[in-house]
Amino acid sequence: MDLNEKYFSNNTRGYKIINRFYLKYRDLFIKTIFTEFEDFRNQIFLNISGIKLSEEIKNEEAYIIGSIKIQCRVQLDKALRRKKERPESQFNNSLVEEDGISITENLADSLPDPHEMLEGEEVFNSLNTFKLQLNTAEKELLNNMIEEKTRIEIAEANNLNMNTLDTHIRRLRIKFFTFLKENGYEYKMFKKYEKSE
């Protein structure tokens, strides 16, 4: 599969997601790590291309699109950290080195950050391991949620009323967060799901 052609070239779903995200936070990106959209897109591509997808993944497109969204947020977090570390005035004064070579903050990001690549791969591996312990209905529900189908679409496709669907979703979330917690992850949102129904 040509990852670039299928998800990162003009008019693909992945490209549109990346473009919208960049435009939304453009003012921050151009002052911190990505002066051009292409730099941002290329960084996301490099990070995604380093992830080895498990054979257990049934809907590869959903996982790649999900990964693109995660990587966009990772880059936003990185830009926010850079902004906190350096006042805005410092960016303007550091554009040229003594020898006259132009410096752009995104040079450090021209190669994939190994930590971020491992983080992305770890998310996929954790999700795939979690899916192995689910029954067929739970796997289907999880896939629908990853594909960002609406609750109405999921309910209609599975002949469920909304209350029953919400119960299934809550049980699946509890199961997932319990799985993550048992595997060493810790997030504030877990507390919301710690109590049994």
Protein backbone atom coordinates (compact mmCIF):
# COMPACT_ATOMS: atom_id res chain seq x y z
CA MET A 1 0.00 0.00 0.00
CA ASP A 2 1.28 3.50 -0.87
CA LEU A 3 0.62 5.28 2.41
CA ASN A 4 1.46 8.70 1.01
CA GLU A 5 -0.79 8.39 -2.02
CA LYS A 6 -3.71 6.89 -0.10
CA TYR A 7 -3.74 9.12 3.00
CA PHE A 8 -1.39 12.10 2.58
CA SER A 9 -1.83 13.38 -0.98
CA ASN A 10 -4.26 16.16 -1.96
CA ASN A 11 -7.98 15.47 -1.48
CA THR A 12 -7.48 12.29 0.56
CA ARG A 13 -9.29 12.03 3.90
CA GLY A 14 -6.03 12.05 5.86
CA TYR A 15 -4.72 15.12 4.01
CA LYS A 16 -7.94 17.03 4.71
CA ILE A 17 -7.78 16.19 8.43
CA ILE A 18 -4.15 17.33 8.64
CA ASN A 19 -4.88 20.50 6.66
CA ARG A 20 -7.87 21.48 8.82
CA PHE A 21 -5.88 20.84 12.00
CA TYR A 22 -2.91 22.89 10.79
CA LEU A 23 -5.12 25.81 9.73
CA LYS A 24 -6.94 25.75 13.07
CA TYR A 25 -3.66 26.14 15.01
CA ARG A 26 -1.61 27.86 12.28
CA ASP A 27 -0.73 30.92 14.37
CA LEU A 28 0.84 28.68 17.01
CA PHE A 29 2.60 26.35 14.57
CA ILE A 30 4.25 29.07 12.47
CA LYS A 31 5.72 30.64 15.62
CA THR A 32 7.00 27.40 17.11
CA ILE A 33 7.81 24.33 15.02
CA PHE A 34 6.12 24.33 11.61
CA THR A 35 6.41 27.44 9.45
CA GLU A 36 4.73 25.71 6.49
CA PHE A 37 1.86 23.25 6.16
CA GLU A 38 4.04 20.85 4.12
CA ASP A 39 6.48 20.58 7.03
CA PHE A 40 3.60 19.64 9.32
CA ARG A 41 2.17 17.11 6.84
CA ASN A 42 5.59 15.54 6.25
CA GLN A 43 6.20 15.15 9.98
CA ILE A 44 2.86 13.38 10.45
CA PHE A 45 3.67 11.13 7.47
CA LEU A 46 7.10 10.20 8.86
CA ASN A 47 5.63 9.33 12.25
CA ILE A 48 2.79 7.25 10.78
CA SER A 49 5.04 5.42 8.31
CA GLY A 50 7.17 4.22 11.24
CA ILE A 51 4.25 2.35 12.81
CA LYS A 52 3.98 -1.36 12.05
CA LEU A 53 0.33 -2.31 11.93
CA SER A 54 -0.68 -5.62 13.46
CA GLU A 55 -2.22 -8.31 11.27
CA GLU A 56 -5.14 -8.38 13.71
CA ILE A 57 -6.36 -4.99 12.45
CA LYS A 58 -9.42 -5.53 10.31
CA ASN A 59 -10.05 -1.93 9.30
CA GLU A 60 -6.65 -0.53 8.45
CA GLU A 61 -8.02 2.77 7.17
CA ALA A 62 -9.78 3.52 10.47
CA TYR A 63 -6.57 2.89 12.40
CA ILE A 64 -4.44 5.04 10.11
CA ILE A 65 -6.95 7.90 10.20
CA GLY A 66 -7.08 7.56 14.00
CA SER A 67 -3.30 7.60 14.11
CA ILE A 68 -3.18 10.73 11.96
CA LYS A 69 -5.48 12.47 14.44
CA ILE A 70 -3.33 11.34 17.36
CA GLN A 71 -0.15 12.57 15.65
CA CYS A 72 -1.75 15.96 14.95
CA ARG A 73 -2.49 16.31 18.66
CA VAL A 74 1.02 15.16 19.57
CA GLN A 75 2.47 17.92 17.36
CA LEU A 76 0.10 20.46 18.91
CA ASP A 77 1.26 19.44 22.40
CA LYS A 78 4.87 19.80 21.26
CA ALA A 79 4.17 23.28 19.86
CA LEU A 80 2.49 24.33 23.12
CA ARG A 81 5.49 23.10 25.12
CA ARG A 82 7.84 25.05 22.86
CA LYS A 83 5.77 28.19 23.31
CA LYS A 84 5.95 27.86 27.10
CA GLU A 85 9.70 27.18 27.02
CA ARG A 86 10.54 30.20 24.89
CA PRO A 87 8.85 33.62 24.94
CA GLU A 88 7.57 34.77 21.56
CA SER A 89 10.25 37.47 21.26
CA GLN A 90 12.98 34.80 21.34
CA PHE A 91 11.63 33.17 18.18
CA ASN A 92 12.07 36.40 16.24
CA ASN A 93 15.69 36.81 17.40
CA SER A 94 16.80 33.25 16.61
CA LEU A 95 16.01 33.03 12.91
CA VAL A 96 19.61 33.53 11.77
CA GLU A 97 22.81 32.00 13.12
CA GLU A 98 26.16 33.85 13.16
CA ASP A 99 27.16 32.34 9.83
CA GLY A 100 23.96 33.61 8.22
CA ILE A 101 22.26 30.21 7.90
CA SER A 102 18.52 30.40 8.45
CA ILE A 103 17.19 28.39 11.36
CA THR A 104 13.66 27.01 11.48
CA GLU A 105 12.28 25.44 14.59
CA ASN A 106 10.93 22.50 12.61
CA LEU A 107 14.40 21.24 11.59
CA ALA A 108 14.49 19.19 14.76
CA ASP A 109 11.26 17.59 13.57
CA SER A 110 12.39 16.73 10.06
CA LEU A 111 13.10 13.22 11.31
CA PRO A 112 10.53 11.26 13.31
CA ASP A 113 10.82 11.55 17.06
CA PRO A 114 11.58 7.97 18.21
CA HIS A 115 9.63 8.55 21.42
CA GLU A 116 6.52 9.64 19.51
CA MET A 117 6.82 6.76 17.06
CA LEU A 118 7.03 4.28 19.90
CA GLU A 119 4.14 6.01 21.64
CA GLY A 120 1.97 5.70 18.52
CA GLU A 121 2.96 2.09 17.99
CA GLU A 122 2.29 1.35 21.66
CA VAL A 123 -1.24 2.75 21.35
CA PHE A 124 -1.95 0.49 18.37
CA ASN A 125 -0.44 -2.56 20.06
CA SER A 126 -2.41 -1.94 23.25
CA LEU A 127 -5.64 -1.51 21.31
CA ASN A 128 -5.01 -4.69 19.33
CA THR A 129 -4.19 -6.69 22.45
CA PHE A 130 -7.35 -5.36 24.08
CA LYS A 131 -9.42 -6.40 21.05
CA LEU A 132 -8.25 -10.00 21.44
CA GLN A 133 -10.21 -10.32 24.69
CA LEU A 134 -13.46 -8.95 23.24
CA ASN A 135 -16.37 -10.92 21.89
CA THR A 136 -17.58 -10.31 18.32
CA ALA A 137 -20.24 -7.75 19.28
CA GLU A 138 -17.78 -5.77 21.41
CA LYS A 139 -15.18 -5.77 18.60
CA GLU A 140 -17.78 -4.50 16.17
CA LEU A 141 -18.82 -1.75 18.59
CA LEU A 142 -15.20 -0.71 19.14
CA ASN A 143 -14.56 -0.60 15.39
CA ASN A 144 -17.67 1.55 14.91
CA MET A 145 -16.43 3.97 17.55
CA ILE A 146 -12.95 4.11 16.00
CA GLU A 147 -14.56 4.85 12.64
CA GLU A 148 -16.43 7.71 14.37
CA LYS A 149 -19.88 6.46 13.45
CA THR A 150 -22.64 8.32 15.23
CA ARG A 151 -24.61 6.66 18.03
CA ILE A 152 -27.69 6.70 15.81
CA GLU A 153 -25.84 4.91 12.98
CA ILE A 154 -24.52 2.27 15.38
CA ALA A 155 -27.92 1.78 17.03
CA GLU A 156 -29.72 1.40 13.69
CA ALA A 157 -27.10 -0.98 12.26
CA ASN A 158 -27.35 -3.22 15.35
CA ASN A 159 -31.09 -2.93 15.96
CA LEU A 160 -30.60 -1.42 19.43
CA ASN A 161 -32.38 1.37 21.26
CA MET A 162 -30.21 4.28 22.41
CA ASN A 163 -30.30 3.33 26.12
CA THR A 164 -29.08 -0.20 25.40
CA LEU A 165 -26.35 1.13 23.10
CA ASP A 166 -25.20 3.62 25.76
CA THR A 167 -24.97 0.78 28.28
CA HIS A 168 -22.84 -1.28 25.84
CA ILE A 169 -20.58 1.71 25.18
CA ARG A 170 -20.14 2.39 28.90
CA ARG A 171 -19.29 -1.27 29.60
CA LEU A 172 -16.77 -1.28 26.77
CA ARG A 173 -15.15 1.92 28.08
CA ILE A 174 -14.91 0.48 31.59
CA LYS A 175 -13.34 -2.67 30.16
CA PHE A 176 -10.87 -0.67 28.07
CA PHE A 177 -9.81 1.69 30.86
CA THR A 178 -9.44 -1.24 33.25
CA PHE A 179 -7.24 -2.95 30.68
CA LEU A 180 -5.10 0.18 30.24
CA LYS A 181 -4.77 0.71 33.98
CA GLU A 182 -3.72 -2.92 34.51
CA ASN A 183 -1.04 -2.36 31.87
CA GLY A 184 0.48 0.66 33.59
CA TYR A 185 -1.38 3.57 32.00
CA GLU A 186 -2.69 6.29 34.31
CA TYR A 187 -5.06 9.07 33.31
CA LYS A 188 -7.39 11.29 35.32
CA MET A 189 -10.36 10.18 33.23
CA PHE A 190 -9.96 6.62 34.58
CA LYS A 191 -11.54 7.65 37.88
CA LYS A 192 -14.80 8.24 36.06
CA TYR A 193 -14.89 4.56 35.06
CA GLU A 194 -13.47 2.94 38.19
CA LYS A 195 -16.80 2.30 39.90
CA SER A 196 -18.83 -0.63 38.73
CA GLU A 197 -22.16 0.08 37.06
